[in-house]
Amino acid sequence: MLNNFCALIAEITTKKDAANFVRDLFTPSESLMITRRIEIAKMLLCGYTYQEISKKMKVGSNTVNNVNRWLYAGFGGYLNELRNTKTKKEFRSSISTTEWLRIKKKYPAHFLIANLIEKVGKK
């Protein structure tokens, strides 16, 4: 059923159709919760602290922590989609150094060549 749902979403071609689909599918509070999670993920990638996010988004620290966990320990959906919204340079510059190091540590194979170049450059 999840695959069918995802296939249905993938067939939506315009922002207007996507907005209408979301409005029909979710209650206003569900839509708000989902959009807040996306904004929280963007803020985490930009280096905001939990306290800053909690205050600005009016959510608890548990919510921020859950989004952070899904962002880095989930299936990669947040990272993939948020990565697509910016160029690589913009995306990299929006991530705090600490988070970038965590990503590099979690996915070492993706950064193998870059890590080798860094090591050679330090010698």
PDB file of N, CA and C in Angstrom:
ATOM      1  N   MET A   1       0.820  -1.189   0.000  1.00  0.00           N
ATOM      2  CA  MET A   1       0.000   0.000   0.000  1.00  0.00           C
ATOM      3  C   MET A   1       0.867   1.257   0.000  1.00  0.00           C
ATOM      4  N   LEU A   2       1.985   1.200   0.735  1.00  0.00           N
ATOM      5  CA  LEU A   2       2.872   2.358   0.764  1.00  0.00           C
ATOM      6  C   LEU A   2       3.446   2.631  -0.620  1.00  0.00           C
ATOM      7  N   ASN A   3       3.822   1.578  -1.330  1.00  0.00           N
ATOM      8  CA  ASN A   3       4.340   1.756  -2.692  1.00  0.00           C
ATOM      9  C   ASN A   3       3.296   2.391  -3.601  1.00  0.00           C
ATOM     10  N   ASN A   4       2.046   1.965  -3.481  1.00  0.00           N
ATOM     11  CA  ASN A   4       0.977   2.560  -4.279  1.00  0.00           C
ATOM     12  C   ASN A   4       0.802   4.033  -3.947  1.00  0.00           C
ATOM     13  N   PHE A   5       0.863   4.353  -2.663  1.00  0.00           N
ATOM     14  CA  PHE A   5       0.746   5.742  -2.227  1.00  0.00           C
ATOM     15  C   PHE A   5       1.886   6.584  -2.805  1.00  0.00           C
ATOM     16  N   CYS A   6       3.110   6.065  -2.720  1.00  0.00           N
ATOM     17  CA  CYS A   6       4.270   6.794  -3.246  1.00  0.00           C
ATOM     18  C   CYS A   6       4.176   6.955  -4.759  1.00  0.00           C
ATOM     19  N   ALA A   7       3.701   5.933  -5.449  1.00  0.00           N
ATOM     20  CA  ALA A   7       3.523   6.028  -6.904  1.00  0.00           C
ATOM     21  C   ALA A   7       2.500   7.104  -7.249  1.00  0.00           C
ATOM     22  N   LEU A   8       1.452   7.196  -6.465  1.00  0.00           N
ATOM     23  CA  LEU A   8       0.434   8.218  -6.675  1.00  0.00           C
ATOM     24  C   LEU A   8       1.028   9.611  -6.504  1.00  0.00           C
ATOM     25  N   ILE A   9       1.813   9.795  -5.469  1.00  0.00           N
ATOM     26  CA  ILE A   9       2.451  11.088  -5.222  1.00  0.00           C
ATOM     27  C   ILE A   9       3.422  11.421  -6.356  1.00  0.00           C
ATOM     28  N   ALA A  10       4.164  10.437  -6.816  1.00  0.00           N
ATOM     29  CA  ALA A  10       5.153  10.658  -7.867  1.00  0.00           C
ATOM     30  C   ALA A  10       4.510  11.100  -9.179  1.00  0.00           C
ATOM     31  N   GLU A  11       3.250  10.780  -9.371  1.00  0.00           N
ATOM     32  CA  GLU A  11       2.564  11.158 -10.608  1.00  0.00           C
ATOM     33  C   GLU A  11       2.026  12.583 -10.581  1.00  0.00           C
ATOM     34  N   ILE A  12       2.054  13.238  -9.448  1.00  0.00           N
ATOM     35  CA  ILE A  12       1.592  14.620  -9.363  1.00  0.00           C
ATOM     36  C   ILE A  12       2.601  15.505 -10.084  1.00  0.00           C
ATOM     37  N   THR A  13       2.111  16.328 -11.013  1.00  0.00           N
ATOM     38  CA  THR A  13       3.048  17.060 -11.869  1.00  0.00           C
ATOM     39  C   THR A  13       3.124  18.563 -11.597  1.00  0.00           C
ATOM     40  N   THR A  14       2.133  19.142 -10.945  1.00  0.00           N
ATOM     41  CA  THR A  14       2.175  20.586 -10.712  1.00  0.00           C
ATOM     42  C   THR A  14       2.080  20.888  -9.220  1.00  0.00           C
ATOM     43  N   LYS A  15       2.580  22.057  -8.841  1.00  0.00           N
ATOM     44  CA  LYS A  15       2.494  22.477  -7.437  1.00  0.00           C
ATOM     45  C   LYS A  15       1.041  22.644  -7.017  1.00  0.00           C
ATOM     46  N   LYS A  16       0.226  23.143  -7.930  1.00  0.00           N
ATOM     47  CA  LYS A  16      -1.196  23.342  -7.616  1.00  0.00           C
ATOM     48  C   LYS A  16      -1.873  22.005  -7.332  1.00  0.00           C
ATOM     49  N   ASP A  17      -1.602  21.011  -8.166  1.00  0.00           N
ATOM     50  CA  ASP A  17      -2.177  19.678  -7.946  1.00  0.00           C
ATOM     51  C   ASP A  17      -1.660  19.071  -6.648  1.00  0.00           C
ATOM     52  N   ALA A  18      -0.372  19.274  -6.359  1.00  0.00           N
ATOM     53  CA  ALA A  18       0.205  18.757  -5.120  1.00  0.00           C
ATOM     54  C   ALA A  18      -0.451  19.419  -3.915  1.00  0.00           C
ATOM     55  N   ALA A  19      -0.641  20.734  -3.984  1.00  0.00           N
ATOM     56  CA  ALA A  19      -1.279  21.457  -2.879  1.00  0.00           C
ATOM     57  C   ALA A  19      -2.708  20.975  -2.662  1.00  0.00           C
ATOM     58  N   ASN A  20      -3.440  20.786  -3.738  1.00  0.00           N
ATOM     59  CA  ASN A  20      -4.818  20.299  -3.609  1.00  0.00           C
ATOM     60  C   ASN A  20      -4.858  18.884  -3.039  1.00  0.00           C
ATOM     61  N   PHE A  21      -3.914  18.045  -3.467  1.00  0.00           N
ATOM     62  CA  PHE A  21      -3.839  16.683  -2.955  1.00  0.00           C
ATOM     63  C   PHE A  21      -3.586  16.691  -1.452  1.00  0.00           C
ATOM     64  N   VAL A  22      -2.627  17.502  -1.016  1.00  0.00           N
ATOM     65  CA  VAL A  22      -2.291  17.588   0.404  1.00  0.00           C
ATOM     66  C   VAL A  22      -3.480  18.126   1.201  1.00  0.00           C
ATOM     67  N   ARG A  23      -4.137  19.163   0.678  1.00  0.00           N
ATOM     68  CA  ARG A  23      -5.299  19.733   1.378  1.00  0.00           C
ATOM     69  C   ARG A  23      -6.431  18.714   1.517  1.00  0.00           C
ATOM     70  N   ASP A  24      -6.617  17.888   0.492  1.00  0.00           N
ATOM     71  CA  ASP A  24      -7.669  16.868   0.556  1.00  0.00           C
ATOM     72  C   ASP A  24      -7.288  15.695   1.447  1.00  0.00           C
ATOM     73  N   LEU A  25      -6.001  15.379   1.489  1.00  0.00           N
ATOM     74  CA  LEU A  25      -5.530  14.194   2.204  1.00  0.00           C
ATOM     75  C   LEU A  25      -5.382  14.421   3.699  1.00  0.00           C
ATOM     76  N   PHE A  26      -4.814  15.564   4.080  1.00  0.00           N
ATOM     77  CA  PHE A  26      -4.501  15.831   5.479  1.00  0.00           C
ATOM     78  C   PHE A  26      -5.431  16.872   6.084  1.00  0.00           C
ATOM     79  N   THR A  27      -5.623  16.752   7.392  1.00  0.00           N
ATOM     80  CA  THR A  27      -6.338  17.798   8.115  1.00  0.00           C
ATOM     81  C   THR A  27      -5.418  19.014   8.186  1.00  0.00           C
ATOM     82  N   PRO A  28      -5.955  20.197   8.482  1.00  0.00           N
ATOM     83  CA  PRO A  28      -5.079  21.368   8.612  1.00  0.00           C
ATOM     84  C   PRO A  28      -3.974  21.176   9.656  1.00  0.00           C
ATOM     85  N   SER A  29      -4.276  20.525  10.762  1.00  0.00           N
ATOM     86  CA  SER A  29      -3.237  20.334  11.779  1.00  0.00           C
ATOM     87  C   SER A  29      -2.175  19.340  11.309  1.00  0.00           C
ATOM     88  N   GLU A  30      -2.564  18.313  10.564  1.00  0.00           N
ATOM     89  CA  GLU A  30      -1.577  17.370  10.010  1.00  0.00           C
ATOM     90  C   GLU A  30      -0.678  18.075   8.994  1.00  0.00           C
ATOM     91  N   SER A  31      -1.262  18.906   8.150  1.00  0.00           N
ATOM     92  CA  SER A  31      -0.468  19.665   7.172  1.00  0.00           C
ATOM     93  C   SER A  31       0.523  20.568   7.879  1.00  0.00           C
ATOM     94  N   LEU A  32       0.084  21.214   8.948  1.00  0.00           N
ATOM     95  CA  LEU A  32       0.961  22.096   9.711  1.00  0.00           C
ATOM     96  C   LEU A  32       2.108  21.309  10.340  1.00  0.00           C
ATOM     97  N   MET A  33       1.802  20.136  10.904  1.00  0.00           N
ATOM     98  CA  MET A  33       2.847  19.313  11.517  1.00  0.00           C
ATOM     99  C   MET A  33       3.889  18.891  10.485  1.00  0.00           C
ATOM    100  N   ILE A  34       3.452  18.496   9.315  1.00  0.00           N
ATOM    101  CA  ILE A  34       4.378  18.037   8.273  1.00  0.00           C
ATOM    102  C   ILE A  34       5.252  19.187   7.789  1.00  0.00           C
ATOM    103  N   THR A  35       4.636  20.342   7.543  1.00  0.00           N
ATOM    104  CA  THR A  35       5.425  21.475   7.059  1.00  0.00           C
ATOM    105  C   THR A  35       6.391  21.975   8.125  1.00  0.00           C
ATOM    106  N   ARG A  36       5.999  21.905   9.383  1.00  0.00           N
ATOM    107  CA  ARG A  36       6.921  22.286  10.465  1.00  0.00           C
ATOM    108  C   ARG A  36       8.128  21.357  10.495  1.00  0.00           C
ATOM    109  N   ARG A  37       7.889  20.051  10.319  1.00  0.00           N
ATOM    110  CA  ARG A  37       9.005  19.100  10.314  1.00  0.00           C
ATOM    111  C   ARG A  37       9.993  19.417   9.208  1.00  0.00           C
ATOM    112  N   ILE A  38       9.492  19.781   8.047  1.00  0.00           N
ATOM    113  CA  ILE A  38      10.362  20.116   6.925  1.00  0.00           C
ATOM    114  C   ILE A  38      11.166  21.375   7.241  1.00  0.00           C
ATOM    115  N   GLU A  39      10.517  22.379   7.804  1.00  0.00           N
ATOM    116  CA  GLU A  39      11.223  23.612   8.163  1.00  0.00           C
ATOM    117  C   GLU A  39      12.262  23.351   9.254  1.00  0.00           C
ATOM    118  N   ILE A  40      11.915  22.501  10.210  1.00  0.00           N
ATOM    119  CA  ILE A  40      12.870  22.146  11.270  1.00  0.00           C
ATOM    120  C   ILE A  40      14.092  21.460  10.656  1.00  0.00           C
ATOM    121  N   ALA A  41      13.864  20.548   9.709  1.00  0.00           N
ATOM    122  CA  ALA A  41      14.984  19.864   9.044  1.00  0.00           C
ATOM    123  C   ALA A  41      15.867  20.870   8.321  1.00  0.00           C
ATOM    124  N   LYS A  42      15.259  21.834   7.630  1.00  0.00           N
ATOM    125  CA  LYS A  42      16.047  22.859   6.940  1.00  0.00           C
ATOM    126  C   LYS A  42      16.864  23.667   7.937  1.00  0.00           C
ATOM    127  N   MET A  43      16.248  24.036   9.066  1.00  0.00           N
ATOM    128  CA  MET A  43      16.949  24.823  10.078  1.00  0.00           C
ATOM    129  C   MET A  43      18.108  24.034  10.686  1.00  0.00           C
ATOM    130  N   LEU A  44      17.896  22.737  10.924  1.00  0.00           N
ATOM    131  CA  LEU A  44      18.982  21.902  11.442  1.00  0.00           C
ATOM    132  C   LEU A  44      20.149  21.873  10.462  1.00  0.00           C
ATOM    133  N   LEU A  45      19.842  21.742   9.187  1.00  0.00           N
ATOM    134  CA  LEU A  45      20.892  21.719   8.168  1.00  0.00           C
ATOM    135  C   LEU A  45      21.628  23.056   8.073  1.00  0.00           C
ATOM    136  N   CYS A  46      20.937  24.131   8.440  1.00  0.00           N
ATOM    137  CA  CYS A  46      21.562  25.463   8.413  1.00  0.00           C
ATOM    138  C   CYS A  46      22.333  25.761   9.683  1.00  0.00           C
ATOM    139  N   GLY A  47      22.303  24.858  10.660  1.00  0.00           N
ATOM    140  CA  GLY A  47      23.112  25.025  11.853  1.00  0.00           C
ATOM    141  C   GLY A  47      22.430  25.683  13.030  1.00  0.00           C
ATOM    142  N   TYR A  48      21.117  25.869  12.974  1.00  0.00           N
ATOM    143  CA  TYR A  48      20.404  26.429  14.128  1.00  0.00           C
ATOM    144  C   TYR A  48      20.483  25.457  15.299  1.00  0.00           C
ATOM    145  N   THR A  49      20.476  25.987  16.514  1.00  0.00           N
ATOM    146  CA  THR A  49      20.480  25.138  17.706  1.00  0.00           C
ATOM    147  C   THR A  49      19.062  24.658  17.988  1.00  0.00           C
ATOM    148  N   TYR A  50      18.969  23.622  18.811  1.00  0.00           N
ATOM    149  CA  TYR A  50      17.654  23.120  19.207  1.00  0.00           C
ATOM    150  C   TYR A  50      16.821  24.226  19.846  1.00  0.00           C
ATOM    151  N   GLN A  51      17.464  25.030  20.705  1.00  0.00           N
ATOM    152  CA  GLN A  51      16.750  26.089  21.415  1.00  0.00           C
ATOM    153  C   GLN A  51      16.230  27.142  20.441  1.00  0.00           C
ATOM    154  N   GLU A  52      17.052  27.519  19.469  1.00  0.00           N
ATOM    155  CA  GLU A  52      16.617  28.505  18.472  1.00  0.00           C
ATOM    156  C   GLU A  52      15.439  27.984  17.667  1.00  0.00           C
ATOM    157  N   ILE A  53      15.507  26.723  17.278  1.00  0.00           N
ATOM    158  CA  ILE A  53      14.428  26.121  16.487  1.00  0.00           C
ATOM    159  C   ILE A  53      13.153  26.019  17.321  1.00  0.00           C
ATOM    160  N   SER A  54      13.286  25.547  18.551  1.00  0.00           N
ATOM    161  CA  SER A  54      12.122  25.409  19.432  1.00  0.00           C
ATOM    162  C   SER A  54      11.410  26.740  19.605  1.00  0.00           C
ATOM    163  N   LYS A  55      12.184  27.780  19.813  1.00  0.00           N
ATOM    164  CA  LYS A  55      11.604  29.106  20.037  1.00  0.00           C
ATOM    165  C   LYS A  55      10.957  29.644  18.762  1.00  0.00           C
ATOM    166  N   LYS A  56      11.669  29.571  17.643  1.00  0.00           N
ATOM    167  CA  LYS A  56      11.153  30.129  16.391  1.00  0.00           C
ATOM    168  C   LYS A  56       9.950  29.353  15.857  1.00  0.00           C
ATOM    169  N   MET A  57      10.002  28.029  15.941  1.00  0.00           N
ATOM    170  CA  MET A  57       8.943  27.199  15.367  1.00  0.00           C
ATOM    171  C   MET A  57       7.834  26.865  16.369  1.00  0.00           C
ATOM    172  N   LYS A  58       8.057  27.248  17.635  1.00  0.00           N
ATOM    173  CA  LYS A  58       7.078  26.979  18.700  1.00  0.00           C
ATOM    174  C   LYS A  58       6.783  25.479  18.829  1.00  0.00           C
ATOM    175  N   VAL A  59       7.877  24.710  18.909  1.00  0.00           N
ATOM    176  CA  VAL A  59       7.792  23.265  19.100  1.00  0.00           C
ATOM    177  C   VAL A  59       8.683  22.878  20.266  1.00  0.00           C
ATOM    178  N   GLY A  60       8.457  21.704  20.809  1.00  0.00           N
ATOM    179  CA  GLY A  60       9.285  21.217  21.905  1.00  0.00           C
ATOM    180  C   GLY A  60      10.610  20.669  21.413  1.00  0.00           C
ATOM    181  N   SER A  61      11.552  20.545  22.333  1.00  0.00           N
ATOM    182  CA  SER A  61      12.868  20.023  21.961  1.00  0.00           C
ATOM    183  C   SER A  61      12.782  18.563  21.521  1.00  0.00           C
ATOM    184  N   ASN A  62      11.785  17.819  22.020  1.00  0.00           N
ATOM    185  CA  ASN A  62      11.612  16.434  21.558  1.00  0.00           C
ATOM    186  C   ASN A  62      11.282  16.383  20.074  1.00  0.00           C
ATOM    187  N   THR A  63      10.469  17.323  19.610  1.00  0.00           N
ATOM    188  CA  THR A  63      10.129  17.372  18.186  1.00  0.00           C
ATOM    189  C   THR A  63      11.376  17.642  17.362  1.00  0.00           C
ATOM    190  N   VAL A  64      12.189  18.600  17.798  1.00  0.00           N
ATOM    191  CA  VAL A  64      13.428  18.921  17.093  1.00  0.00           C
ATOM    192  C   VAL A  64      14.351  17.713  17.104  1.00  0.00           C
ATOM    193  N   ASN A  65      14.451  17.046  18.237  1.00  0.00           N
ATOM    194  CA  ASN A  65      15.295  15.864  18.345  1.00  0.00           C
ATOM    195  C   ASN A  65      14.816  14.755  17.408  1.00  0.00           C
ATOM    196  N   ASN A  66      13.507  14.537  17.339  1.00  0.00           N
ATOM    197  CA  ASN A  66      12.969  13.512  16.438  1.00  0.00           C
ATOM    198  C   ASN A  66      13.298  13.828  14.983  1.00  0.00           C
ATOM    199  N   VAL A  67      13.121  15.073  14.580  1.00  0.00           N
ATOM    200  CA  VAL A  67      13.430  15.448  13.200  1.00  0.00           C
ATOM    201  C   VAL A  67      14.921  15.260  12.936  1.00  0.00           C
ATOM    202  N   ASN A  68      15.766  15.639  13.880  1.00  0.00           N
ATOM    203  CA  ASN A  68      17.205  15.452  13.724  1.00  0.00           C
ATOM    204  C   ASN A  68      17.543  13.970  13.564  1.00  0.00           C
ATOM    205  N   ARG A  69      16.899  13.138  14.353  1.00  0.00           N
ATOM    206  CA  ARG A  69      17.147  11.686  14.257  1.00  0.00           C
ATOM    207  C   ARG A  69      16.704  11.164  12.894  1.00  0.00           C
ATOM    208  N   TRP A  70      15.515  11.579  12.430  1.00  0.00           N
ATOM    209  CA  TRP A  70      15.036  11.143  11.113  1.00  0.00           C
ATOM    210  C   TRP A  70      15.924  11.672  10.003  1.00  0.00           C
ATOM    211  N   LEU A  71      16.452  12.867  10.212  1.00  0.00           N
ATOM    212  CA  LEU A  71      17.296  13.488   9.207  1.00  0.00           C
ATOM    213  C   LEU A  71      18.572  12.692   8.980  1.00  0.00           C
ATOM    214  N   TYR A  72      19.188  12.230  10.063  1.00  0.00           N
ATOM    215  CA  TYR A  72      20.495  11.574   9.944  1.00  0.00           C
ATOM    216  C   TYR A  72      20.471  10.065  10.133  1.00  0.00           C
ATOM    217  N   ALA A  73      19.425   9.511  10.716  1.00  0.00           N
ATOM    218  CA  ALA A  73      19.396   8.067  10.948  1.00  0.00           C
ATOM    219  C   ALA A  73      18.222   7.407  10.250  1.00  0.00           C
ATOM    220  N   GLY A  74      17.488   8.157   9.472  1.00  0.00           N
ATOM    221  CA  GLY A  74      16.329   7.605   8.778  1.00  0.00           C
ATOM    222  C   GLY A  74      16.739   6.947   7.470  1.00  0.00           C
ATOM    223  N   PHE A  75      15.854   7.003   6.502  1.00  0.00           N
ATOM    224  CA  PHE A  75      16.085   6.360   5.213  1.00  0.00           C
ATOM    225  C   PHE A  75      16.701   7.308   4.184  1.00  0.00           C
ATOM    226  N   GLY A  76      17.045   8.532   4.593  1.00  0.00           N
ATOM    227  CA  GLY A  76      17.672   9.485   3.684  1.00  0.00           C
ATOM    228  C   GLY A  76      16.698  10.363   2.930  1.00  0.00           C
ATOM    229  N   GLY A  77      15.419  10.229   3.217  1.00  0.00           N
ATOM    230  CA  GLY A  77      14.411  11.010   2.498  1.00  0.00           C
ATOM    231  C   GLY A  77      14.547  12.503   2.694  1.00  0.00           C
ATOM    232  N   TYR A  78      14.709  12.925   3.944  1.00  0.00           N
ATOM    233  CA  TYR A  78      14.887  14.354   4.221  1.00  0.00           C
ATOM    234  C   TYR A  78      16.109  14.890   3.481  1.00  0.00           C
ATOM    235  N   LEU A  79      17.244  14.231   3.688  1.00  0.00           N
ATOM    236  CA  LEU A  79      18.482  14.723   3.087  1.00  0.00           C
ATOM    237  C   LEU A  79      18.390  14.767   1.573  1.00  0.00           C
ATOM    238  N   ASN A  80      17.853  13.707   0.958  1.00  0.00           N
ATOM    239  CA  ASN A  80      17.758  13.678  -0.495  1.00  0.00           C
ATOM    240  C   ASN A  80      16.893  14.800  -1.028  1.00  0.00           C
ATOM    241  N   GLU A  81      15.734  14.999  -0.447  1.00  0.00           N
ATOM    242  CA  GLU A  81      14.829  16.017  -0.962  1.00  0.00           C
ATOM    243  C   GLU A  81      15.303  17.420  -0.653  1.00  0.00           C
ATOM    244  N   LEU A  82      15.836  17.654   0.520  1.00  0.00           N
ATOM    245  CA  LEU A  82      16.347  18.981   0.841  1.00  0.00           C
ATOM    246  C   LEU A  82      17.591  19.289   0.027  1.00  0.00           C
ATOM    247  N   ARG A  83      18.359  18.266  -0.279  1.00  0.00           N
ATOM    248  CA  ARG A  83      19.547  18.432  -1.111  1.00  0.00           C
ATOM    249  C   ARG A  83      19.136  18.879  -2.510  1.00  0.00           C
ATOM    250  N   ASN A  84      17.999  18.382  -2.998  1.00  0.00           N
ATOM    251  CA  ASN A  84      17.536  18.732  -4.335  1.00  0.00           C
ATOM    252  C   ASN A  84      17.021  20.159  -4.435  1.00  0.00           C
ATOM    253  N   THR A  85      16.733  20.798  -3.322  1.00  0.00           N
ATOM    254  CA  THR A  85      16.189  22.148  -3.364  1.00  0.00           C
ATOM    255  C   THR A  85      17.279  23.198  -3.540  1.00  0.00           C
ATOM    256  N   LYS A  86      18.521  22.821  -3.418  1.00  0.00           N
ATOM    257  CA  LYS A  86      19.630  23.763  -3.539  1.00  0.00           C
ATOM    258  C   LYS A  86      20.716  23.157  -4.408  1.00  0.00           C
ATOM    259  N   THR A  87      21.611  24.006  -4.892  1.00  0.00           N
ATOM    260  CA  THR A  87      22.781  23.477  -5.575  1.00  0.00           C
ATOM    261  C   THR A  87      23.674  22.828  -4.518  1.00  0.00           C
ATOM    262  N   LYS A  88      24.594  22.020  -4.942  1.00  0.00           N
ATOM    263  CA  LYS A  88      25.485  21.355  -3.989  1.00  0.00           C
ATOM    264  C   LYS A  88      26.241  22.374  -3.142  1.00  0.00           C
ATOM    265  N   LYS A  89      26.719  23.448  -3.779  1.00  0.00           N
ATOM    266  CA  LYS A  89      27.486  24.456  -3.050  1.00  0.00           C
ATOM    267  C   LYS A  89      26.601  25.137  -1.997  1.00  0.00           C
ATOM    268  N   GLU A  90      25.372  25.500  -2.377  1.00  0.00           N
ATOM    269  CA  GLU A  90      24.451  26.135  -1.424  1.00  0.00           C
ATOM    270  C   GLU A  90      24.108  25.177  -0.293  1.00  0.00           C
ATOM    271  N   PHE A  91      23.877  23.903  -0.640  1.00  0.00           N
ATOM    272  CA  PHE A  91      23.529  22.920   0.371  1.00  0.00           C
ATOM    273  C   PHE A  91      24.678  22.739   1.355  1.00  0.00           C
ATOM    274  N   ARG A  92      25.890  22.564   0.848  1.00  0.00           N
ATOM    275  CA  ARG A  92      27.044  22.359   1.726  1.00  0.00           C
ATOM    276  C   ARG A  92      27.263  23.573   2.628  1.00  0.00           C
ATOM    277  N   SER A  93      27.117  24.759   2.079  1.00  0.00           N
ATOM    278  CA  SER A  93      27.360  25.953   2.883  1.00  0.00           C
ATOM    279  C   SER A  93      26.268  26.167   3.918  1.00  0.00           C
ATOM    280  N   SER A  94      25.113  25.545   3.740  1.00  0.00           N
ATOM    281  CA  SER A  94      24.024  25.721   4.696  1.00  0.00           C
ATOM    282  C   SER A  94      24.113  24.749   5.871  1.00  0.00           C
ATOM    283  N   ILE A  95      24.994  23.755   5.788  1.00  0.00           N
ATOM    284  CA  ILE A  95      25.120  22.762   6.853  1.00  0.00           C
ATOM    285  C   ILE A  95      26.246  23.179   7.789  1.00  0.00           C
ATOM    286  N   SER A  96      25.986  23.107   9.082  1.00  0.00           N
ATOM    287  CA  SER A  96      27.029  23.447  10.050  1.00  0.00           C
ATOM    288  C   SER A  96      28.180  22.456   9.929  1.00  0.00           C
ATOM    289  N   THR A  97      29.359  22.881  10.327  1.00  0.00           N
ATOM    290  CA  THR A  97      30.561  22.039  10.234  1.00  0.00           C
ATOM    291  C   THR A  97      30.387  20.739  11.008  1.00  0.00           C
ATOM    292  N   THR A  98      29.798  20.826  12.192  1.00  0.00           N
ATOM    293  CA  THR A  98      29.588  19.641  13.016  1.00  0.00           C
ATOM    294  C   THR A  98      28.687  18.634  12.312  1.00  0.00           C
ATOM    295  N   GLU A  99      27.590  19.124  11.740  1.00  0.00           N
ATOM    296  CA  GLU A  99      26.661  18.224  11.042  1.00  0.00           C
ATOM    297  C   GLU A  99      27.319  17.635   9.801  1.00  0.00           C
ATOM    298  N   TRP A 100      28.102  18.449   9.087  1.00  0.00           N
ATOM    299  CA  TRP A 100      28.784  17.962   7.889  1.00  0.00           C
ATOM    300  C   TRP A 100      29.749  16.840   8.250  1.00  0.00           C
ATOM    301  N   LEU A 101      30.490  16.995   9.338  1.00  0.00           N
ATOM    302  CA  LEU A 101      31.414  15.944   9.773  1.00  0.00           C
ATOM    303  C   LEU A 101      30.658  14.677  10.157  1.00  0.00           C
ATOM    304  N   ARG A 102      29.488  14.835  10.787  1.00  0.00           N
ATOM    305  CA  ARG A 102      28.673  13.678  11.149  1.00  0.00           C
ATOM    306  C   ARG A 102      28.197  12.934   9.898  1.00  0.00           C
ATOM    307  N   ILE A 103      27.797  13.682   8.879  1.00  0.00           N
ATOM    308  CA  ILE A 103      27.345  13.064   7.632  1.00  0.00           C
ATOM    309  C   ILE A 103      28.509  12.318   6.979  1.00  0.00           C
ATOM    310  N   LYS A 104      29.675  12.958   6.921  1.00  0.00           N
ATOM    311  CA  LYS A 104      30.837  12.319   6.314  1.00  0.00           C
ATOM    312  C   LYS A 104      31.224  11.041   7.052  1.00  0.00           C
ATOM    313  N   LYS A 105      31.088  11.060   8.377  1.00  0.00           N
ATOM    314  CA  LYS A 105      31.422   9.872   9.170  1.00  0.00           C
ATOM    315  C   LYS A 105      30.407   8.759   8.933  1.00  0.00           C
ATOM    316  N   LYS A 106      29.129   9.123   8.811  1.00  0.00           N
ATOM    317  CA  LYS A 106      28.082   8.119   8.641  1.00  0.00           C
ATOM    318  C   LYS A 106      28.141   7.473   7.254  1.00  0.00           C
ATOM    319  N   TYR A 107      28.530   8.246   6.228  1.00  0.00           N
ATOM    320  CA  TYR A 107      28.561   7.746   4.858  1.00  0.00           C
ATOM    321  C   TYR A 107      29.977   7.857   4.275  1.00  0.00           C
ATOM    322  N   PRO A 108      30.950   7.134   4.843  1.00  0.00           N
ATOM    323  CA  PRO A 108      32.340   7.300   4.402  1.00  0.00           C
ATOM    324  C   PRO A 108      32.571   6.927   2.943  1.00  0.00           C
ATOM    325  N   ALA A 109      31.845   5.979   2.421  1.00  0.00           N
ATOM    326  CA  ALA A 109      32.052   5.575   1.028  1.00  0.00           C
ATOM    327  C   ALA A 109      31.689   6.704   0.062  1.00  0.00           C
ATOM    328  N   HIS A 110      30.695   7.503   0.418  1.00  0.00           N
ATOM    329  CA  HIS A 110      30.293   8.615  -0.437  1.00  0.00           C
ATOM    330  C   HIS A 110      31.367   9.700  -0.497  1.00  0.00           C
ATOM    331  N   PHE A 111      32.198   9.757   0.524  1.00  0.00           N
ATOM    332  CA  PHE A 111      33.194  10.815   0.622  1.00  0.00           C
ATOM    333  C   PHE A 111      34.618  10.281   0.495  1.00  0.00           C
ATOM    334  N   LEU A 112      34.770   9.066  -0.021  1.00  0.00           N
ATOM    335  CA  LEU A 112      36.073   8.420  -0.086  1.00  0.00           C
ATOM    336  C   LEU A 112      37.104   9.270  -0.821  1.00  0.00           C
ATOM    337  N   ILE A 113      36.781   9.716  -2.010  1.00  0.00           N
ATOM    338  CA  ILE A 113      37.737  10.491  -2.803  1.00  0.00           C
ATOM    339  C   ILE A 113      38.024  11.827  -2.128  1.00  0.00           C
ATOM    340  N   ALA A 114      36.976  12.505  -1.651  1.00  0.00           N
ATOM    341  CA  ALA A 114      37.173  13.792  -0.976  1.00  0.00           C
ATOM    342  C   ALA A 114      38.047  13.624   0.263  1.00  0.00           C
ATOM    343  N   ASN A 115      37.833  12.540   1.022  1.00  0.00           N
ATOM    344  CA  ASN A 115      38.650  12.288   2.224  1.00  0.00           C
ATOM    345  C   ASN A 115      40.109  12.016   1.846  1.00  0.00           C
ATOM    346  N   LEU A 116      40.318  11.270   0.775  1.00  0.00           N
ATOM    347  CA  LEU A 116      41.683  11.006   0.329  1.00  0.00           C
ATOM    348  C   LEU A 116      42.393  12.303  -0.103  1.00  0.00           C
ATOM    349  N   ILE A 117      41.671  13.153  -0.818  1.00  0.00           N
ATOM    350  CA  ILE A 117      42.251  14.435  -1.256  1.00  0.00           C
ATOM    351  C   ILE A 117      42.605  15.285  -0.036  1.00  0.00           C
ATOM    352  N   GLU A 118      41.717  15.309   0.975  1.00  0.00           N
ATOM    353  CA  GLU A 118      41.989  16.067   2.187  1.00  0.00           C
ATOM    354  C   GLU A 118      43.249  15.549   2.879  1.00  0.00           C
ATOM    355  N   LYS A 119      43.395  14.215   2.976  1.00  0.00           N
ATOM    356  CA  LYS A 119      44.561  13.638   3.636  1.00  0.00           C
ATOM    357  C   LYS A 119      45.846  13.979   2.891  1.00  0.00           C
ATOM    358  N   VAL A 120      45.817  13.894   1.568  1.00  0.00           N
ATOM    359  CA  VAL A 120      46.992  14.210   0.767  1.00  0.00           C
ATOM    360  C   VAL A 120      47.329  15.702   0.903  1.00  0.00           C
ATOM    361  N   GLY A 121      46.319  16.535   0.925  1.00  0.00           N
ATOM    362  CA  GLY A 121      46.534  17.973   1.061  1.00  0.00           C
ATOM    363  C   GLY A 121      47.125  18.364   2.392  1.00  0.00           C
ATOM    364  N   LYS A 122      46.854  17.597   3.453  1.00  0.00           N
ATOM    365  CA  LYS A 122      47.386  17.901   4.780  1.00  0.00           C
ATOM    366  C   LYS A 122      48.846  17.498   4.920  1.00  0.00           C
ATOM    367  N   LYS A 123      49.321  16.580   4.051  1.00  0.00           N
ATOM    368  CA  LYS A 123      50.705  16.089   4.149  1.00  0.00           C
ATOM    369  C   LYS A 123      51.660  17.015   3.540  1.00  0.00           C
TER     370      LYS A 123
END
